[in-house]
Amino acid sequence: MPYESHAFQRNFQSAMHMAPLTYLNTIRIMNACNLLRNTNHTILTISEMTGFSTLSNFNRHFNQMMKVSPKEYRHQTLKGRKPGEIPSIIEYAGWLEPDEAPYPGKQEKAPERK
């Protein structure tokens, strides 16, 4: 019995608090951030390595999630960096801030921890 597409999407959304495609793009952008910080690959090469079909699509998703362009992200994360120091994408993206949305693409605040 095949799993229905809408049922999968509903269950995924319920469990992950984001749509499957949003989750996939989040993972792709996180991988791209790692490559931007730790390699000298071009932005075009990184966009292809992370599964985006076009550079413009990659740039749009990257800007939407990280609030800066891939080029600016690379520049900012490498500026003032000590040898061997790897900046955290979680801190950079502001995901540790309590006022930020808990999940990319979701606009409500995270529940308070007790």
Foldseek 3Di string as FASTA:
>chain_A
DDDDPVNVQVVCCVVVVDGPVLVLLVVLLQQLLVCLQPHPDDLQVSCVVSPHPDSVVNQVSNCLQQVDGSVVSSVVQPPPDDVPDGDDPCVNSVCVPQCQPVGRPDGDGDDDDD
